[in-house]
């Protein structure tokens, strides 16, 4: 387990993707929380606790790219895995 990753957040509008990623990440020993929308992630009290974010790019409402921009503007220390802008 990577020491700097204590909590991973998954943001995806597809419930089966969220569930699959949650099971996989949890099986590797990490804490994971899933969100169906970018808005739900931003409103969550765990938003600032996430060290790593796996997100879908195309979602209703705020897209994954929109969320990436918001996180960057907030200077969040979250590690981002996904396509770069």
Protein backbone atom coordinates (compact mmCIF):
# COMPACT_ATOMS: atom_id res chain seq x y z
CA UNK A 1 0.00 0.00 0.00
CA UNK A 2 1.28 3.47 -0.84
CA UNK A 3 1.65 5.34 2.46
CA UNK A 4 0.47 8.70 1.14
CA UNK A 5 -2.86 7.27 -0.03
CA UNK A 6 -5.16 6.88 2.93
CA UNK A 7 -8.50 7.66 1.29
CA UNK A 8 -9.51 7.27 -2.35
CA UNK A 9 -12.64 8.83 -3.86
CA UNK A 10 -14.37 7.50 -6.98
CA UNK A 11 -16.72 9.80 -8.90
CA UNK A 12 -18.70 8.11 -11.67
CA UNK A 13 -22.33 8.25 -12.72
CA UNK A 14 -22.37 4.53 -13.60
CA UNK A 15 -23.31 2.54 -10.49
CA UNK A 16 -21.67 -0.67 -11.75
CA UNK A 17 -18.35 1.13 -12.33
CA UNK A 18 -18.51 2.69 -8.86
CA UNK A 19 -19.25 -0.66 -7.26
CA UNK A 20 -16.49 -2.49 -9.17
CA UNK A 21 -13.88 0.14 -8.36
CA UNK A 22 -14.95 0.25 -4.73
CA UNK A 23 -14.52 -3.52 -4.36
CA UNK A 24 -11.15 -3.50 -6.13
CA UNK A 25 -9.72 -0.57 -4.17
CA UNK A 26 -11.02 -1.90 -0.87
CA UNK A 27 -9.48 -5.33 -1.63
CA UNK A 28 -6.10 -3.60 -1.96
CA UNK A 29 -6.43 -2.25 1.57
CA UNK A 30 -7.46 1.34 0.88
CA UNK A 31 -10.41 3.31 2.25
CA UNK A 32 -12.71 4.26 -0.61
CA UNK A 33 -15.85 6.35 -0.94
CA UNK A 34 -17.91 6.60 -4.12
CA UNK A 35 -20.03 9.43 -5.49
CA UNK A 36 -22.54 9.44 -8.35
CA UNK A 37 -21.89 13.09 -9.28
CA UNK A 38 -19.16 15.70 -9.01
CA UNK A 39 -21.56 17.89 -7.03
CA UNK A 40 -22.08 15.12 -4.47
CA UNK A 41 -18.31 14.77 -4.07
CA UNK A 42 -17.85 18.53 -3.57
CA UNK A 43 -20.67 18.66 -1.00
CA UNK A 44 -19.33 15.69 0.93
CA UNK A 45 -17.65 16.29 4.29
CA UNK A 46 -15.02 13.77 3.10
CA UNK A 47 -14.06 15.97 0.13
CA UNK A 48 -11.01 17.37 1.91
CA UNK A 49 -10.01 13.94 3.28
CA UNK A 50 -9.53 12.33 -0.15
CA UNK A 51 -5.91 11.85 -1.21
CA UNK A 52 -6.65 10.37 -4.60
CA UNK A 53 -9.53 10.86 -7.02
CA UNK A 54 -10.60 8.54 -9.82
CA UNK A 55 -13.26 10.20 -11.92
CA UNK A 56 -15.37 9.78 -14.98
CA UNK A 57 -14.97 12.52 -17.57
CA UNK A 58 -18.48 12.51 -19.04
CA UNK A 59 -21.13 12.90 -16.35
CA UNK A 60 -24.37 14.85 -16.13
CA UNK A 61 -24.00 18.24 -14.44
CA UNK A 62 -20.36 18.96 -13.67
CA UNK A 63 -18.10 16.85 -15.87
CA UNK A 64 -14.94 15.22 -14.64
CA UNK A 65 -12.95 17.95 -16.39
CA UNK A 66 -15.01 20.61 -14.59
CA UNK A 67 -14.29 18.89 -11.29
CA UNK A 68 -10.60 18.71 -12.12
CA UNK A 69 -10.59 22.46 -12.78
CA UNK A 70 -12.34 23.18 -9.47
CA UNK A 71 -9.90 21.00 -7.54
CA UNK A 72 -6.96 22.69 -9.25
CA UNK A 73 -8.36 26.16 -8.46
CA UNK A 74 -8.77 25.16 -4.81
CA UNK A 75 -5.13 24.00 -4.78
CA UNK A 76 -6.25 20.69 -3.36
CA UNK A 77 -3.54 18.11 -2.61
CA UNK A 78 -5.64 15.36 -4.21
CA UNK A 79 -3.75 13.14 -6.63
CA UNK A 80 -5.56 13.02 -9.97
CA UNK A 81 -5.59 10.02 -12.29
CA UNK A 82 -7.18 10.53 -15.66
CA UNK A 83 -6.70 12.35 -18.95
CA UNK A 84 -4.91 15.66 -18.72
CA UNK A 85 -6.50 18.77 -20.13
